[in-house]
Structures are given as C-alpha cells and as structure tokens.
Amino acid sequence: MRYARRVGIKDADVDDVVQEILVAFSTAYRQGRYDPDRGRLRDWLFGIARLEIRNWRRRTQAALQADSDAMEACLAGDDDRLQAAWDQEWRAAVLRHCLENVRTEVQPQTMEAFKLFAIQEWPAQRVAKRLHMTENAVFGAKRRVLRRLRELQAFIERDF
C-alpha cells in the first residue's frame, strides 16, 4: 500500500491497485513463474507491482491527471527512481516486520528501553530513570534488540 501511494496512486484507488498486484503475484507464483535462481523474490514482486501499476494507469489515464512526479516516472519508465522507492519501502516493511517479531521475543521493558533510547533518541540516563533501570541495562537492551533485528533482517534478506 505504501509503495502504491508513493508512486502517486490516490488513496481512493490504492486498495484496488494493491489487490490487482496481489492477484497477479499469487497467480504467477502458483503457476511456478518465480525462479529463485534468477533473482530474489522481492525483485520479482517489484516487477509485478511496476507492471500492474503501469497497466492500471493506462486503463484509468482518461480519468486521472498525471500530476504526480512519481506517477510520471512510472509512465515514463524511470525504473531507477521506481526501484529506489521500492527498495526504500521494502526495507521499511522488513524493519517493521522484524520489530514486531522482536517485540514478541523480549521483555516489554527491554523493548520500551530500545524504543526510547534508539528510536526516540532519549539520553540513556533519562530512559534509565523513566524505566527504573541502570544506564548499563539501557545500553544492553539496545544491544540485544539490535542484534536480534540484524539476525531477522539477514534471514529475510537472504530468503526473500
């Protein structure tokens, strides 16, 4: 959904476009068209998304104005820009997924310390005081969560 919005699909149309992408992906995947020896799953999915967005845009071109730079890039075939947007959205989705997984694996206080210290950039002393921890425990929480995030991310990047 985020990628569709990023390339200029209006909110009212995002669900339809995403559904078309998912149908095209699942149909092709069930037909065995994905070959891991030829590349990563995410790159293959990007190709499907790009094609479906172009097809959708062509079908609706009369009804929509091409006022978005991202949509114009899609129509003009600015694949480098589209690939960069795809990669950025992919990394963000992988990070969100990994964070959710780590959240289920660590204590709530550990995750809260990580969030305040690493994400919201609170000073360790402030986090320690707020969560009734030592500063060393705050650093340890960050280290444990980051280590697990890297492990999960490596697994996803390797397999997808």
N, C-alpha and C. Protein backbone atom coordinates (compact mmCIF):
# COMPACT_ATOMS: atom_id res chain seq x y z
N MET A 1 0.81 -1.19 0.00
CA MET A 1 0.00 0.00 0.00
C MET A 1 0.86 1.26 0.00
N ARG A 2 1.89 1.23 0.81
CA ARG A 2 2.75 2.41 0.90
C ARG A 2 3.42 2.69 -0.44
N TYR A 3 3.85 1.63 -1.11
CA TYR A 3 4.52 1.82 -2.40
C TYR A 3 3.54 2.40 -3.41
N ALA A 4 2.34 1.90 -3.45
CA ALA A 4 1.34 2.42 -4.39
C ALA A 4 1.10 3.90 -4.13
N ARG A 5 0.98 4.27 -2.87
CA ARG A 5 0.79 5.69 -2.54
C ARG A 5 2.02 6.50 -2.95
N ARG A 6 3.17 5.92 -2.72
CA ARG A 6 4.41 6.63 -3.01
C ARG A 6 4.58 6.93 -4.49
N VAL A 7 4.07 6.06 -5.35
CA VAL A 7 4.21 6.31 -6.78
C VAL A 7 3.02 7.08 -7.33
N GLY A 8 2.21 7.64 -6.45
CA GLY A 8 1.18 8.57 -6.88
C GLY A 8 -0.22 8.04 -7.00
N ILE A 9 -0.47 6.83 -6.56
CA ILE A 9 -1.84 6.31 -6.60
C ILE A 9 -2.63 7.01 -5.51
N LYS A 10 -3.78 7.52 -5.87
CA LYS A 10 -4.64 8.21 -4.90
C LYS A 10 -5.17 7.22 -3.87
N ASP A 11 -5.40 7.70 -2.65
CA ASP A 11 -5.86 6.84 -1.57
C ASP A 11 -7.11 6.05 -1.94
N ALA A 12 -8.00 6.67 -2.69
CA ALA A 12 -9.24 6.00 -3.08
C ALA A 12 -9.00 4.80 -3.98
N ASP A 13 -7.86 4.77 -4.67
CA ASP A 13 -7.56 3.69 -5.62
C ASP A 13 -6.53 2.69 -5.12
N VAL A 14 -5.90 2.99 -4.02
CA VAL A 14 -4.80 2.16 -3.54
C VAL A 14 -5.24 0.72 -3.32
N ASP A 15 -6.35 0.51 -2.64
CA ASP A 15 -6.79 -0.86 -2.36
C ASP A 15 -7.00 -1.66 -3.65
N ASP A 16 -7.59 -1.03 -4.65
CA ASP A 16 -7.83 -1.72 -5.92
C ASP A 16 -6.51 -2.11 -6.60
N VAL A 17 -5.57 -1.19 -6.61
CA VAL A 17 -4.29 -1.46 -7.26
C VAL A 17 -3.53 -2.55 -6.51
N VAL A 18 -3.51 -2.45 -5.19
CA VAL A 18 -2.82 -3.45 -4.38
C VAL A 18 -3.45 -4.83 -4.59
N GLN A 19 -4.77 -4.86 -4.67
CA GLN A 19 -5.44 -6.14 -4.91
C GLN A 19 -5.04 -6.72 -6.27
N GLU A 20 -4.96 -5.89 -7.28
CA GLU A 20 -4.54 -6.36 -8.60
C GLU A 20 -3.11 -6.90 -8.56
N ILE A 21 -2.25 -6.22 -7.82
CA ILE A 21 -0.86 -6.67 -7.69
C ILE A 21 -0.82 -8.03 -6.99
N LEU A 22 -1.57 -8.16 -5.91
CA LEU A 22 -1.56 -9.43 -5.16
C LEU A 22 -2.15 -10.58 -5.98
N VAL A 23 -3.19 -10.30 -6.74
CA VAL A 23 -3.77 -11.34 -7.59
C VAL A 23 -2.76 -11.77 -8.66
N ALA A 24 -2.11 -10.79 -9.29
CA ALA A 24 -1.11 -11.11 -10.31
C ALA A 24 0.04 -11.91 -9.70
N PHE A 25 0.48 -11.50 -8.53
CA PHE A 25 1.57 -12.20 -7.85
C PHE A 25 1.17 -13.63 -7.50
N SER A 26 0.02 -13.79 -6.84
CA SER A 26 -0.35 -15.14 -6.41
C SER A 26 -0.61 -16.06 -7.60
N THR A 27 -1.19 -15.54 -8.66
CA THR A 27 -1.43 -16.34 -9.85
C THR A 27 -0.11 -16.80 -10.47
N ALA A 28 0.80 -15.88 -10.64
CA ALA A 28 2.10 -16.22 -11.23
C ALA A 28 2.88 -17.16 -10.32
N TYR A 29 2.81 -16.94 -9.03
CA TYR A 29 3.55 -17.78 -8.09
C TYR A 29 3.00 -19.21 -8.12
N ARG A 30 1.68 -19.35 -8.12
CA ARG A 30 1.06 -20.68 -8.18
C ARG A 30 1.39 -21.39 -9.49
N GLN A 31 1.58 -20.62 -10.54
CA GLN A 31 1.92 -21.21 -11.84
C GLN A 31 3.41 -21.54 -11.95
N GLY A 32 4.14 -21.25 -10.88
CA GLY A 32 5.56 -21.59 -10.86
C GLY A 32 6.44 -20.65 -11.64
N ARG A 33 6.00 -19.42 -11.87
CA ARG A 33 6.80 -18.50 -12.66
C ARG A 33 7.97 -17.88 -11.91
N TYR A 34 7.95 -17.97 -10.58
CA TYR A 34 9.08 -17.43 -9.82
C TYR A 34 10.20 -18.46 -9.79
N ASP A 35 11.39 -18.02 -10.19
CA ASP A 35 12.56 -18.89 -10.20
C ASP A 35 13.63 -18.25 -9.31
N PRO A 36 13.85 -18.81 -8.11
CA PRO A 36 14.83 -18.21 -7.19
C PRO A 36 16.24 -18.13 -7.77
N ASP A 37 16.54 -18.97 -8.74
CA ASP A 37 17.87 -18.92 -9.36
C ASP A 37 18.06 -17.68 -10.23
N ARG A 38 16.95 -17.07 -10.61
CA ARG A 38 17.05 -15.88 -11.47
C ARG A 38 17.03 -14.58 -10.68
N GLY A 39 16.78 -14.65 -9.38
CA GLY A 39 16.78 -13.44 -8.57
C GLY A 39 15.93 -13.57 -7.33
N ARG A 40 15.94 -12.51 -6.55
CA ARG A 40 15.21 -12.51 -5.29
C ARG A 40 13.71 -12.35 -5.51
N LEU A 41 12.96 -12.85 -4.55
CA LEU A 41 11.51 -12.74 -4.58
C LEU A 41 11.08 -11.27 -4.60
N ARG A 42 11.73 -10.43 -3.81
CA ARG A 42 11.32 -9.03 -3.75
C ARG A 42 11.51 -8.33 -5.09
N ASP A 43 12.56 -8.69 -5.84
CA ASP A 43 12.78 -8.08 -7.15
C ASP A 43 11.73 -8.54 -8.14
N TRP A 44 11.36 -9.81 -8.05
CA TRP A 44 10.31 -10.34 -8.92
C TRP A 44 8.97 -9.68 -8.60
N LEU A 45 8.70 -9.53 -7.31
CA LEU A 45 7.47 -8.85 -6.88
C LEU A 45 7.47 -7.39 -7.33
N PHE A 46 8.62 -6.74 -7.28
CA PHE A 46 8.72 -5.36 -7.76
C PHE A 46 8.33 -5.28 -9.23
N GLY A 47 8.82 -6.21 -10.02
CA GLY A 47 8.47 -6.22 -11.45
C GLY A 47 6.98 -6.36 -11.66
N ILE A 48 6.35 -7.22 -10.88
CA ILE A 48 4.89 -7.39 -10.98
C ILE A 48 4.18 -6.11 -10.56
N ALA A 49 4.62 -5.51 -9.46
CA ALA A 49 3.99 -4.27 -8.98
C ALA A 49 4.13 -3.16 -10.01
N ARG A 50 5.32 -3.01 -10.55
CA ARG A 50 5.56 -1.97 -11.56
C ARG A 50 4.66 -2.17 -12.78
N LEU A 51 4.58 -3.40 -13.25
CA LEU A 51 3.75 -3.70 -14.42
C LEU A 51 2.27 -3.46 -14.13
N GLU A 52 1.80 -3.90 -12.98
CA GLU A 52 0.39 -3.72 -12.65
C GLU A 52 0.04 -2.25 -12.46
N ILE A 53 0.94 -1.47 -11.89
CA ILE A 53 0.69 -0.03 -11.73
C ILE A 53 0.64 0.64 -13.10
N ARG A 54 1.55 0.26 -13.97
CA ARG A 54 1.52 0.81 -15.34
C ARG A 54 0.22 0.42 -16.05
N ASN A 55 -0.18 -0.83 -15.93
CA ASN A 55 -1.43 -1.28 -16.56
C ASN A 55 -2.63 -0.54 -15.99
N TRP A 56 -2.66 -0.41 -14.67
CA TRP A 56 -3.77 0.31 -14.03
C TRP A 56 -3.80 1.76 -14.51
N ARG A 57 -2.63 2.37 -14.58
CA ARG A 57 -2.56 3.78 -15.00
C ARG A 57 -3.05 3.94 -16.44
N ARG A 58 -2.68 3.03 -17.29
CA ARG A 58 -3.13 3.11 -18.68
C ARG A 58 -4.65 2.98 -18.77
N ARG A 59 -5.20 2.06 -17.97
CA ARG A 59 -6.66 1.86 -18.00
C ARG A 59 -7.42 3.06 -17.47
N THR A 60 -6.83 3.78 -16.56
CA THR A 60 -7.53 4.89 -15.92
C THR A 60 -7.01 6.26 -16.33
N GLN A 61 -6.14 6.29 -17.31
CA GLN A 61 -5.47 7.54 -17.69
C GLN A 61 -6.47 8.65 -18.03
N ALA A 62 -7.54 8.33 -18.67
CA ALA A 62 -8.51 9.35 -19.05
C ALA A 62 -9.16 9.98 -17.82
N ALA A 63 -9.29 9.20 -16.76
CA ALA A 63 -9.98 9.68 -15.56
C ALA A 63 -9.05 10.39 -14.58
N LEU A 64 -7.77 10.21 -14.73
CA LEU A 64 -6.82 10.78 -13.78
C LEU A 64 -5.91 11.80 -14.44
N GLN A 65 -5.48 12.76 -13.69
CA GLN A 65 -4.48 13.70 -14.19
C GLN A 65 -3.11 13.23 -13.76
N ALA A 66 -2.17 13.34 -14.64
CA ALA A 66 -0.81 12.91 -14.32
C ALA A 66 -0.08 14.05 -13.63
N ASP A 67 -0.46 14.33 -12.38
CA ASP A 67 0.11 15.45 -11.66
C ASP A 67 1.19 15.03 -10.66
N SER A 68 1.45 13.78 -10.58
CA SER A 68 2.44 13.31 -9.61
C SER A 68 3.75 12.99 -10.32
N ASP A 69 4.84 13.49 -9.80
CA ASP A 69 6.15 13.17 -10.37
C ASP A 69 6.40 11.67 -10.35
N ALA A 70 6.01 11.03 -9.26
CA ALA A 70 6.22 9.59 -9.15
C ALA A 70 5.41 8.84 -10.19
N MET A 71 4.17 9.27 -10.43
CA MET A 71 3.36 8.60 -11.44
C MET A 71 3.94 8.85 -12.82
N GLU A 72 4.41 10.05 -13.06
CA GLU A 72 5.04 10.34 -14.34
C GLU A 72 6.28 9.48 -14.54
N ALA A 73 7.03 9.30 -13.47
CA ALA A 73 8.21 8.43 -13.55
C ALA A 73 7.79 7.01 -13.91
N CYS A 74 6.67 6.57 -13.34
CA CYS A 74 6.17 5.23 -13.63
C CYS A 74 5.81 5.11 -15.11
N LEU A 75 5.12 6.09 -15.64
CA LEU A 75 4.70 6.05 -17.03
C LEU A 75 5.89 6.20 -17.98
N ALA A 76 6.84 7.03 -17.57
CA ALA A 76 7.99 7.27 -18.43
C ALA A 76 9.01 6.14 -18.34
N GLY A 77 8.78 5.25 -17.43
CA GLY A 77 9.70 4.13 -17.30
C GLY A 77 10.97 4.49 -16.55
N ASP A 78 10.88 5.45 -15.62
CA ASP A 78 12.04 5.84 -14.82
C ASP A 78 12.28 4.75 -13.77
N ASP A 79 12.81 3.63 -14.26
CA ASP A 79 12.96 2.45 -13.42
C ASP A 79 13.90 2.66 -12.25
N ASP A 80 14.92 3.49 -12.41
CA ASP A 80 15.85 3.71 -11.29
C ASP A 80 15.13 4.36 -10.12
N ARG A 81 14.30 5.35 -10.41
CA ARG A 81 13.57 6.03 -9.35
C ARG A 81 12.53 5.10 -8.73
N LEU A 82 11.85 4.34 -9.57
CA LEU A 82 10.87 3.39 -9.05
C LEU A 82 11.55 2.31 -8.22
N GLN A 83 12.69 1.83 -8.68
CA GLN A 83 13.42 0.81 -7.93
C GLN A 83 13.87 1.36 -6.58
N ALA A 84 14.33 2.60 -6.56
CA ALA A 84 14.76 3.21 -5.30
C ALA A 84 13.59 3.33 -4.33
N ALA A 85 12.43 3.75 -4.84
CA ALA A 85 11.24 3.84 -3.98
C ALA A 85 10.84 2.47 -3.47
N TRP A 86 10.88 1.48 -4.36
CA TRP A 86 10.54 0.10 -3.97
C TRP A 86 11.50 -0.40 -2.88
N ASP A 87 12.80 -0.19 -3.10
CA ASP A 87 13.79 -0.66 -2.13
C ASP A 87 13.60 0.00 -0.77
N GLN A 88 13.30 1.29 -0.78
CA GLN A 88 13.10 2.00 0.47
C GLN A 88 11.86 1.48 1.20
N GLU A 89 10.79 1.27 0.47
CA GLU A 89 9.57 0.72 1.08
C GLU A 89 9.81 -0.71 1.56
N TRP A 90 10.57 -1.49 0.79
CA TRP A 90 10.87 -2.87 1.19
C TRP A 90 11.64 -2.88 2.51
N ARG A 91 12.69 -2.05 2.59
CA ARG A 91 13.48 -2.01 3.82
C ARG A 91 12.64 -1.58 5.01
N ALA A 92 11.76 -0.60 4.80
CA ALA A 92 10.90 -0.15 5.90
C ALA A 92 9.94 -1.26 6.33
N ALA A 93 9.39 -1.99 5.37
CA ALA A 93 8.47 -3.09 5.70
C ALA A 93 9.21 -4.21 6.42
N VAL A 94 10.42 -4.52 5.99
CA VAL A 94 11.22 -5.55 6.65
C VAL A 94 11.52 -5.13 8.09
N LEU A 95 11.89 -3.87 8.27
CA LEU A 95 12.19 -3.37 9.61
C LEU A 95 10.96 -3.44 10.50
N ARG A 96 9.81 -3.02 9.99
CA ARG A 96 8.57 -3.10 10.79
C ARG A 96 8.28 -4.54 11.18
N HIS A 97 8.43 -5.46 10.23
CA HIS A 97 8.18 -6.87 10.49
C HIS A 97 9.15 -7.39 11.56
N CYS A 98 10.41 -7.07 11.41
CA CYS A 98 11.42 -7.52 12.38
C CYS A 98 11.15 -6.94 13.77
N LEU A 99 10.80 -5.67 13.83
CA LEU A 99 10.49 -5.05 15.12
C LEU A 99 9.31 -5.75 15.80
N GLU A 100 8.30 -6.10 15.03
CA GLU A 100 7.16 -6.81 15.61
C GLU A 100 7.56 -8.18 16.13
N ASN A 101 8.42 -8.86 15.39
CA ASN A 101 8.91 -10.17 15.86
C ASN A 101 9.74 -10.03 17.12
N VAL A 102 10.64 -9.08 17.15
CA VAL A 102 11.48 -8.88 18.33
C VAL A 102 10.62 -8.52 19.53
N ARG A 103 9.60 -7.73 19.30
CA ARG A 103 8.70 -7.31 20.38
C ARG A 103 8.11 -8.53 21.11
N THR A 104 7.86 -9.61 20.37
CA THR A 104 7.30 -10.81 20.99
C THR A 104 8.36 -11.65 21.69
N GLU A 105 9.63 -11.38 21.42
CA GLU A 105 10.72 -12.19 21.96
C GLU A 105 11.38 -11.61 23.20
N VAL A 106 11.22 -10.32 23.44
CA VAL A 106 11.90 -9.67 24.56
C VAL A 106 10.87 -9.16 25.57
N GLN A 107 11.37 -8.85 26.73
CA GLN A 107 10.52 -8.29 27.78
C GLN A 107 10.01 -6.91 27.35
N PRO A 108 8.80 -6.55 27.76
CA PRO A 108 8.26 -5.22 27.39
C PRO A 108 9.19 -4.08 27.81
N GLN A 109 9.83 -4.19 28.97
CA GLN A 109 10.73 -3.13 29.42
C GLN A 109 11.94 -3.01 28.50
N THR A 110 12.44 -4.12 28.00
CA THR A 110 13.57 -4.10 27.07
C THR A 110 13.18 -3.38 25.79
N MET A 111 12.00 -3.71 25.29
CA MET A 111 11.54 -3.07 24.05
C MET A 111 11.29 -1.58 24.26
N GLU A 112 10.72 -1.23 25.40
CA GLU A 112 10.47 0.18 25.70
C GLU A 112 11.79 0.95 25.82
N ALA A 113 12.78 0.34 26.47
CA ALA A 113 14.10 0.99 26.58
C ALA A 113 14.70 1.20 25.19
N PHE A 114 14.58 0.19 24.34
CA PHE A 114 15.10 0.32 22.97
C PHE A 114 14.38 1.44 22.24
N LYS A 115 13.07 1.45 22.33
CA LYS A 115 12.28 2.47 21.62
C LYS A 115 12.67 3.88 22.07
N LEU A 116 12.73 4.08 23.38
CA LEU A 116 13.05 5.42 23.89
C LEU A 116 14.49 5.83 23.57
N PHE A 117 15.41 4.89 23.73
CA PHE A 117 16.82 5.22 23.57
C PHE A 117 17.26 5.24 22.11
N ALA A 118 16.94 4.18 21.37
CA ALA A 118 17.45 4.05 19.99
C ALA A 118 16.59 4.75 18.96
N ILE A 119 15.28 4.73 19.16
CA ILE A 119 14.39 5.31 18.15
C ILE A 119 14.06 6.76 18.45
N GLN A 120 13.64 7.02 19.69
CA GLN A 120 13.28 8.39 20.04
C GLN A 120 14.46 9.22 20.51
N GLU A 121 15.63 8.57 20.64
CA GLU A 121 16.89 9.22 20.96
C GLU A 121 16.91 9.97 22.29
N TRP A 122 16.24 9.38 23.27
CA TRP A 122 16.34 9.92 24.62
C TRP A 122 17.72 9.59 25.16
N PRO A 123 18.27 10.43 26.02
CA PRO A 123 19.54 10.10 26.68
C PRO A 123 19.35 8.86 27.56
N ALA A 124 20.40 8.05 27.66
CA ALA A 124 20.33 6.81 28.44
C ALA A 124 19.92 7.08 29.88
N GLN A 125 20.43 8.16 30.44
CA GLN A 125 20.10 8.49 31.83
C GLN A 125 18.60 8.73 32.01
N ARG A 126 17.99 9.42 31.07
CA ARG A 126 16.56 9.70 31.14
C ARG A 126 15.74 8.41 30.99
N VAL A 127 16.16 7.54 30.08
CA VAL A 127 15.46 6.26 29.88
C VAL A 127 15.57 5.42 31.14
N ALA A 128 16.79 5.36 31.70
CA ALA A 128 17.01 4.57 32.91
C ALA A 128 16.13 5.06 34.05
N LYS A 129 16.05 6.35 34.20
CA LYS A 129 15.22 6.91 35.27
C LYS A 129 13.75 6.61 35.04
N ARG A 130 13.31 6.77 33.81
CA ARG A 130 11.89 6.55 33.48
C ARG A 130 11.47 5.09 33.70
N LEU A 131 12.37 4.16 33.34
CA LEU A 131 12.02 2.73 33.40
C LEU A 131 12.59 2.04 34.64
N HIS A 132 13.20 2.81 35.53
CA HIS A 132 13.77 2.26 36.77
C HIS A 132 14.80 1.17 36.45
N MET A 133 15.73 1.53 35.57
CA MET A 133 16.80 0.63 35.15
C MET A 133 18.13 1.36 35.37
N THR A 134 19.21 0.63 35.22
CA THR A 134 20.51 1.28 35.20
C THR A 134 20.80 1.72 33.76
N GLU A 135 21.71 2.63 33.61
CA GLU A 135 22.10 3.05 32.26
C GLU A 135 22.70 1.87 31.49
N ASN A 136 23.48 1.03 32.18
CA ASN A 136 24.05 -0.15 31.52
C ASN A 136 22.94 -1.07 31.01
N ALA A 137 21.86 -1.19 31.75
CA ALA A 137 20.74 -2.03 31.30
C ALA A 137 20.10 -1.44 30.05
N VAL A 138 20.06 -0.12 29.95
CA VAL A 138 19.51 0.54 28.76
C VAL A 138 20.40 0.22 27.55
N PHE A 139 21.71 0.34 27.73
CA PHE A 139 22.64 0.02 26.64
C PHE A 139 22.52 -1.46 26.25
N GLY A 140 22.39 -2.31 27.25
CA GLY A 140 22.24 -3.74 26.99
C GLY A 140 20.96 -4.05 26.24
N ALA A 141 19.87 -3.37 26.58
CA ALA A 141 18.60 -3.57 25.88
C ALA A 141 18.75 -3.19 24.41
N LYS A 142 19.39 -2.06 24.17
CA LYS A 142 19.60 -1.63 22.79
C LYS A 142 20.44 -2.66 22.04
N ARG A 143 21.49 -3.13 22.66
CA ARG A 143 22.39 -4.09 22.01
C ARG A 143 21.65 -5.40 21.69
N ARG A 144 20.86 -5.90 22.64
CA ARG A 144 20.13 -7.16 22.42
C ARG A 144 19.09 -7.03 21.31
N VAL A 145 18.35 -5.94 21.33
CA VAL A 145 17.32 -5.75 20.31
C VAL A 145 17.95 -5.57 18.94
N LEU A 146 19.01 -4.77 18.84
CA LEU A 146 19.67 -4.56 17.56
C LEU A 146 20.27 -5.86 17.02
N ARG A 147 20.87 -6.66 17.90
CA ARG A 147 21.44 -7.93 17.47
C ARG A 147 20.36 -8.83 16.88
N ARG A 148 19.22 -8.91 17.57
CA ARG A 148 18.13 -9.76 17.07
C ARG A 148 17.53 -9.18 15.79
N LEU A 149 17.40 -7.86 15.70
CA LEU A 149 16.90 -7.23 14.48
C LEU A 149 17.80 -7.57 13.29
N ARG A 150 19.10 -7.51 13.50
CA ARG A 150 20.05 -7.82 12.42
C ARG A 150 19.93 -9.28 11.99
N GLU A 151 19.75 -10.18 12.97
CA GLU A 151 19.60 -11.60 12.63
C GLU A 151 18.35 -11.83 11.78
N LEU A 152 17.24 -11.25 12.23
CA LEU A 152 15.99 -11.42 11.48
C LEU A 152 16.07 -10.79 10.10
N GLN A 153 16.65 -9.60 10.04
CA GLN A 153 16.78 -8.92 8.76
C GLN A 153 17.65 -9.72 7.80
N ALA A 154 18.73 -10.28 8.29
CA ALA A 154 19.62 -11.08 7.44
C ALA A 154 18.87 -12.30 6.90
N PHE A 155 18.07 -12.92 7.74
CA PHE A 155 17.28 -14.08 7.30
C PHE A 155 16.30 -13.67 6.20
N ILE A 156 15.58 -12.59 6.40
CA ILE A 156 14.60 -12.14 5.41
C ILE A 156 15.28 -11.74 4.11
N GLU A 157 16.36 -10.97 4.22
CA GLU A 157 17.06 -10.52 3.02
C GLU A 157 17.65 -11.69 2.24
N ARG A 158 18.13 -12.70 2.95
CA ARG A 158 18.73 -13.86 2.29
C ARG A 158 17.65 -14.69 1.58
N ASP A 159 16.51 -14.86 2.23
CA ASP A 159 15.49 -15.75 1.70
C ASP A 159 14.45 -15.07 0.82
N PHE A 160 14.37 -13.76 0.88
CA PHE A 160 13.36 -13.07 0.07
C PHE A 160 14.02 -12.04 -0.80
